[in-house]
Amino acid sequence: MMKIMRRLIAVLAFFAVLVGALKSLLNWVSRSGDDDHEVFADDDLEQV
């Protein structure tokens, strides 16, 4: 039972590190100032 709990905690920790790294990467891309990576266009550019 303890072995299963340890493995479960290890898997959850791995996914937490993976999500944190992905979030850091996305934050870095958004701060780089390069708009080539922008997914959605700015809504306030052309308001008619």
C-alpha atoms as a PDB file:
ATOM      1  CA  MET A   1       0.000   0.000   0.000  1.00  0.00           C
ATOM      2  CA  MET A   2       2.815   2.421   0.834  1.00  0.00           C
ATOM      3  CA  LYS A   3       4.523   1.681  -2.476  1.00  0.00           C
ATOM      4  CA  ILE A   4       1.361   2.639  -4.379  1.00  0.00           C
ATOM      5  CA  MET A   5       1.035   5.885  -2.417  1.00  0.00           C
ATOM      6  CA  ARG A   6       4.676   6.789  -3.083  1.00  0.00           C
ATOM      7  CA  ARG A   7       4.275   6.162  -6.799  1.00  0.00           C
ATOM      8  CA  LEU A   8       1.064   8.182  -6.906  1.00  0.00           C
ATOM      9  CA  ILE A   9       2.736  11.107  -5.140  1.00  0.00           C
ATOM     10  CA  ALA A  10       5.724  10.860  -7.503  1.00  0.00           C
ATOM     11  CA  VAL A  11       3.458  10.942 -10.566  1.00  0.00           C
ATOM     12  CA  LEU A  12       1.537  13.923  -9.218  1.00  0.00           C
ATOM     13  CA  ALA A  13       4.780  15.745  -8.441  1.00  0.00           C
ATOM     14  CA  PHE A  14       6.060  15.044 -11.959  1.00  0.00           C
ATOM     15  CA  PHE A  15       2.913  16.496 -13.508  1.00  0.00           C
ATOM     16  CA  ALA A  16       3.112  19.527 -11.203  1.00  0.00           C
ATOM     17  CA  VAL A  17       6.676  20.195 -12.354  1.00  0.00           C
ATOM     18  CA  LEU A  18       5.643  19.725 -15.977  1.00  0.00           C
ATOM     19  CA  VAL A  19       2.725  22.159 -15.661  1.00  0.00           C
ATOM     20  CA  GLY A  20       4.962  24.688 -13.899  1.00  0.00           C
ATOM     21  CA  ALA A  21       7.566  24.485 -16.641  1.00  0.00           C
ATOM     22  CA  LEU A  22       4.915  24.927 -19.325  1.00  0.00           C
ATOM     23  CA  LYS A  23       3.461  27.922 -17.500  1.00  0.00           C
ATOM     24  CA  SER A  24       6.911  29.479 -17.194  1.00  0.00           C
ATOM     25  CA  LEU A  25       7.538  28.938 -20.884  1.00  0.00           C
ATOM     26  CA  LEU A  26       4.244  30.560 -21.846  1.00  0.00           C
ATOM     27  CA  ASN A  27       4.910  33.512 -19.533  1.00  0.00           C
ATOM     28  CA  TRP A  28       8.361  33.957 -21.056  1.00  0.00           C
ATOM     29  CA  VAL A  29       6.928  33.933 -24.580  1.00  0.00           C
ATOM     30  CA  SER A  30       4.266  36.477 -23.631  1.00  0.00           C
ATOM     31  CA  ARG A  31       6.865  38.784 -22.042  1.00  0.00           C
ATOM     32  CA  SER A  32       9.238  38.588 -24.985  1.00  0.00           C
ATOM     33  CA  GLY A  33       7.257  41.281 -26.810  1.00  0.00           C
ATOM     34  CA  ASP A  34       7.194  39.317 -30.038  1.00  0.00           C
ATOM     35  CA  ASP A  35       3.599  39.181 -31.291  1.00  0.00           C
ATOM     36  CA  ASP A  36       4.259  36.331 -33.712  1.00  0.00           C
ATOM     37  CA  HIS A  37       3.243  33.863 -30.993  1.00  0.00           C
ATOM     38  CA  GLU A  38      -0.036  35.583 -30.226  1.00  0.00           C
ATOM     39  CA  VAL A  39      -2.983  33.230 -30.456  1.00  0.00           C
ATOM     40  CA  PHE A  40      -5.791  35.789 -30.410  1.00  0.00           C
ATOM     41  CA  ALA A  41      -5.691  39.166 -32.100  1.00  0.00           C
ATOM     42  CA  ASP A  42      -6.167  42.231 -29.957  1.00  0.00           C
ATOM     43  CA  ASP A  43      -9.799  43.268 -29.938  1.00  0.00           C
ATOM     44  CA  ASP A  44      -9.048  46.968 -29.560  1.00  0.00           C
ATOM     45  CA  LEU A  45      -6.962  47.273 -32.737  1.00  0.00           C
ATOM     46  CA  GLU A  46      -9.835  47.853 -35.128  1.00  0.00           C
ATOM     47  CA  GLN A  47     -13.096  48.893 -33.517  1.00  0.00           C
ATOM     48  CA  VAL A  48     -15.502  50.091 -36.162  1.00  0.00           C
END
